[in-house]
Amino acid sequence: EDSDPWENVQVQSNGKIISDEQSVIHAREEIIGEIETIFEAESLNKENLCAFEERGKELLLDFADYLNIYTNKFYDVTFRNQARKMILDLFTDTMSTETSLLGLLDENKYSLNDFLEEIGKMDYDLIQLNVGDVRISDSLKLSDNETYSGEIVFSEEILGITPPDTALIHVGMKKVEINVSRSTKIFGNDSLLVWEVHLGQIQ
């Protein structure tokens, strides 16, 4: 069979396409080296912080997607529980993270775990969270030697769905912390101290 003509092709950041095998290997090693330099750096520059802010926005959208799966009672329980785990993985500390989330529970603050327990019991077939107007309201800044903290503001709409009816439960503006800190990750036989972004308190 003919080999894949794109198998040994590398597109560089300047848009130039290279296909020589050794050049491709060298280019890939450079890219990997740049990534390792960023993730293993002891501090982050402005460009890196902007990238983590964008990643924080993506985590918020992921949160809405996973919550919509978790609250959908038409889905298999195993699938819903996996969505719950993925929600918890998005946050810095699920035991101490508090949320007024999202105007649903009388504006009282709950731990994230307690919130998920309560929202899972609500008398709807699906609780749909729609997130919009996501923007950075406070840029990431070094809060101590280990953590950068910032804030995202967003609009939220909560719908309670029980076919054939849809109820508007809450609409408004909220804000969520984003935290970037270093943690140890295992890569094969090696461990690296790398930067990661997580969500924090929701108000």
Protein backbone atom coordinates (compact mmCIF):
# COMPACT_ATOMS: atom_id res chain seq x y z
CA GLU A 1 0.00 0.00 0.00
CA ASP A 2 1.08 3.57 -0.62
CA SER A 3 2.22 5.32 2.54
CA ASP A 4 0.25 8.24 3.91
CA PRO A 5 1.63 11.33 2.10
CA TRP A 6 1.00 13.40 5.27
CA GLU A 7 2.62 10.95 7.67
CA ASN A 8 5.90 12.85 7.93
CA VAL A 9 4.64 16.35 7.34
CA GLN A 10 4.91 19.13 9.92
CA VAL A 11 3.28 22.55 9.71
CA GLN A 12 5.38 25.17 11.47
CA SER A 13 3.99 28.16 13.37
CA ASN A 14 4.82 30.44 10.43
CA GLY A 15 2.69 28.27 8.14
CA LYS A 16 5.61 26.68 6.33
CA ILE A 17 5.17 22.99 5.55
CA ILE A 18 8.17 20.70 5.92
CA SER A 19 8.25 17.04 4.93
CA ASP A 20 11.86 15.91 5.36
CA GLU A 21 11.75 13.23 8.07
CA GLN A 22 14.69 14.54 10.12
CA SER A 23 13.41 18.10 9.89
CA VAL A 24 9.97 16.94 11.04
CA ILE A 25 11.47 15.09 14.02
CA HIS A 26 13.52 18.16 14.95
CA ALA A 27 10.50 20.47 14.63
CA ARG A 28 8.37 18.21 16.81
CA GLU A 29 11.09 18.03 19.46
CA GLU A 30 11.25 21.84 19.49
CA ILE A 31 7.47 22.09 19.93
CA ILE A 32 7.49 19.55 22.76
CA GLY A 33 10.40 21.39 24.36
CA GLU A 34 8.50 24.69 24.22
CA ILE A 35 5.45 23.07 25.83
CA GLU A 36 7.57 21.53 28.59
CA THR A 37 9.26 24.89 29.21
CA ILE A 38 5.89 26.58 29.70
CA PHE A 39 4.37 23.92 31.91
CA GLU A 40 7.49 23.44 34.04
CA ALA A 41 8.33 27.16 34.38
CA GLU A 42 8.53 28.55 37.92
CA SER A 43 6.47 31.59 36.86
CA LEU A 44 4.23 32.52 33.94
CA ASN A 45 4.56 35.41 31.53
CA LYS A 46 1.70 37.55 30.20
CA GLU A 47 1.23 35.42 27.08
CA ASN A 48 0.99 32.23 29.12
CA LEU A 49 -1.46 33.83 31.56
CA CYS A 50 -3.70 34.94 28.67
CA ALA A 51 -3.71 31.35 27.39
CA PHE A 52 -4.73 30.05 30.83
CA GLU A 53 -7.49 32.67 31.01
CA GLU A 54 -8.89 31.35 27.74
CA ARG A 55 -8.65 27.83 29.12
CA GLY A 56 -10.57 29.02 32.20
CA LYS A 57 -13.39 30.18 29.93
CA GLU A 58 -13.43 26.76 28.28
CA LEU A 59 -13.68 25.08 31.70
CA LEU A 60 -16.77 27.16 32.49
CA LEU A 61 -18.43 26.02 29.27
CA ASP A 62 -17.39 22.44 30.05
CA PHE A 63 -19.02 22.83 33.46
CA ALA A 64 -22.33 23.80 31.84
CA ASP A 65 -22.14 20.85 29.43
CA TYR A 66 -21.36 18.34 32.18
CA LEU A 67 -24.08 19.75 34.44
CA ASN A 68 -26.63 19.36 31.65
CA ILE A 69 -25.63 15.70 31.34
CA TYR A 70 -25.58 15.09 35.10
CA THR A 71 -29.12 16.45 35.60
CA ASN A 72 -30.63 14.62 32.61
CA LYS A 73 -32.69 11.79 34.13
CA PHE A 74 -33.13 10.15 30.72
CA TYR A 75 -29.43 9.22 30.70
CA ASP A 76 -27.96 6.10 32.26
CA VAL A 77 -26.90 6.54 35.89
CA THR A 78 -23.32 5.48 35.12
CA PHE A 79 -23.06 8.14 32.41
CA ARG A 80 -24.49 10.77 34.74
CA ASN A 81 -22.10 9.82 37.53
CA GLN A 82 -19.17 10.15 35.14
CA ALA A 83 -20.36 13.67 34.27
CA ARG A 84 -20.50 14.43 38.01
CA LYS A 85 -16.89 13.29 38.43
CA MET A 86 -15.83 15.45 35.48
CA ILE A 87 -17.56 18.46 37.10
CA LEU A 88 -15.63 17.92 40.33
CA ASP A 89 -12.36 17.62 38.39
CA LEU A 90 -12.86 21.14 37.01
CA PHE A 91 -12.61 22.75 40.45
CA THR A 92 -9.70 23.53 42.74
CA ASP A 93 -11.17 22.10 45.94
CA THR A 94 -14.60 20.47 45.82
CA MET A 95 -14.95 20.22 49.60
CA SER A 96 -14.33 23.89 50.42
CA THR A 97 -15.52 25.43 47.13
CA GLU A 98 -18.75 27.26 47.83
CA THR A 99 -21.38 28.30 45.37
CA SER A 100 -24.56 30.35 45.42
CA LEU A 101 -24.98 28.33 42.27
CA LEU A 102 -26.76 29.80 40.41
CA GLY A 103 -29.57 31.38 42.33
CA LEU A 104 -31.11 27.91 42.49
CA LEU A 105 -31.02 27.22 46.18
CA ASP A 106 -32.33 30.34 47.93
CA GLU A 107 -29.02 32.17 47.47
CA ASN A 108 -27.50 30.05 50.24
CA LYS A 109 -23.96 28.91 49.70
CA TYR A 110 -23.33 25.21 49.36
CA SER A 111 -20.22 23.16 48.89
CA LEU A 112 -19.99 21.91 45.33
CA ASN A 113 -20.63 18.35 46.48
CA ASP A 114 -23.76 19.37 48.38
CA PHE A 115 -24.97 21.44 45.45
CA LEU A 116 -24.71 18.50 43.08
CA GLU A 117 -26.60 16.32 45.55
CA GLU A 118 -29.40 18.88 45.84
CA ILE A 119 -29.70 19.69 42.16
CA GLY A 120 -29.82 15.98 41.35
CA LYS A 121 -32.95 15.65 43.51
CA MET A 122 -34.90 18.50 41.90
CA ASP A 123 -38.22 17.55 40.32
CA TYR A 124 -37.26 18.05 36.68
CA ASP A 125 -36.24 15.62 33.97
CA LEU A 126 -33.46 18.00 33.00
CA ILE A 127 -32.00 21.19 34.41
CA GLN A 128 -30.36 23.08 31.58
CA LEU A 129 -27.66 25.66 32.27
CA ASN A 130 -27.04 28.12 29.44
CA VAL A 131 -23.90 30.24 29.79
CA GLY A 132 -23.16 33.37 27.75
CA ASP A 133 -21.24 36.68 27.68
CA VAL A 134 -18.18 34.95 29.16
CA ARG A 135 -15.35 37.39 29.78
CA ILE A 136 -12.40 38.00 32.07
CA SER A 137 -13.34 40.55 34.73
CA ASP A 138 -10.10 40.27 36.72
CA SER A 139 -6.91 39.15 34.97
CA LEU A 140 -4.77 36.41 36.48
CA LYS A 141 -2.34 37.78 39.06
CA LEU A 142 0.14 36.08 41.35
CA SER A 143 -1.61 35.82 44.72
CA ASP A 144 1.23 33.97 46.43
CA ASN A 145 4.34 32.05 45.40
CA GLU A 146 2.33 29.14 44.06
CA THR A 147 -0.98 30.40 42.65
CA TYR A 148 -2.30 32.88 40.10
CA SER A 149 -5.91 33.96 40.64
CA GLY A 150 -8.41 35.79 38.46
CA GLU A 151 -12.13 36.03 37.80
CA ILE A 152 -14.59 35.36 35.00
CA VAL A 153 -17.99 37.02 34.75
CA PHE A 154 -20.81 35.41 32.77
CA SER A 155 -24.54 35.43 32.20
CA GLU A 156 -26.51 32.35 33.15
CA GLU A 157 -29.97 31.04 32.42
CA ILE A 158 -31.38 28.05 34.27
CA LEU A 159 -34.23 26.09 32.72
CA GLY A 160 -36.14 23.29 34.42
CA ILE A 161 -37.47 20.92 31.78
CA THR A 162 -40.24 18.39 32.25
CA PRO A 163 -41.83 17.62 28.87
CA PRO A 164 -43.86 19.28 27.60
CA ASP A 165 -43.15 22.23 29.95
CA THR A 166 -40.06 24.39 30.40
CA ALA A 167 -39.74 26.63 33.45
CA LEU A 168 -37.34 29.55 33.77
CA ILE A 169 -35.77 28.97 37.17
CA HIS A 170 -33.20 31.74 37.23
CA VAL A 171 -31.46 34.28 35.02
CA GLY A 172 -28.70 36.70 35.95
CA MET A 173 -25.00 37.47 36.07
CA LYS A 174 -22.49 35.42 38.02
CA LYS A 175 -18.74 35.32 38.53
CA VAL A 176 -16.36 32.45 39.07
CA GLU A 177 -12.76 32.39 40.27
CA ILE A 178 -10.05 30.84 38.15
CA ASN A 179 -6.89 29.54 39.78
CA VAL A 180 -3.65 28.50 38.12
CA SER A 181 -1.25 26.50 40.27
CA ARG A 182 1.41 23.82 39.97
CA SER A 183 0.73 20.17 40.70
CA THR A 184 2.63 16.94 40.23
CA LYS A 185 1.68 14.86 37.21
CA ILE A 186 2.90 11.39 36.33
CA PHE A 187 4.19 10.82 32.78
CA GLY A 188 5.24 7.19 32.39
CA ASN A 189 8.07 6.67 34.86
CA ASP A 190 8.60 10.39 35.35
CA SER A 191 6.76 13.02 37.38
CA LEU A 192 6.66 16.71 36.52
CA LEU A 193 5.48 19.78 38.39
CA VAL A 194 3.20 21.46 35.85
CA TRP A 195 0.80 24.41 35.72
CA GLU A 196 -2.94 23.70 35.65
CA VAL A 197 -6.05 25.89 35.69
CA HIS A 198 -9.16 25.14 37.74
CA LEU A 199 -12.39 26.89 38.63
CA GLY A 200 -12.98 28.20 42.17
CA GLN A 201 -15.79 29.89 44.07
CA ILE A 202 -18.96 30.81 42.18
CA GLN A 203 -20.84 33.90 43.36
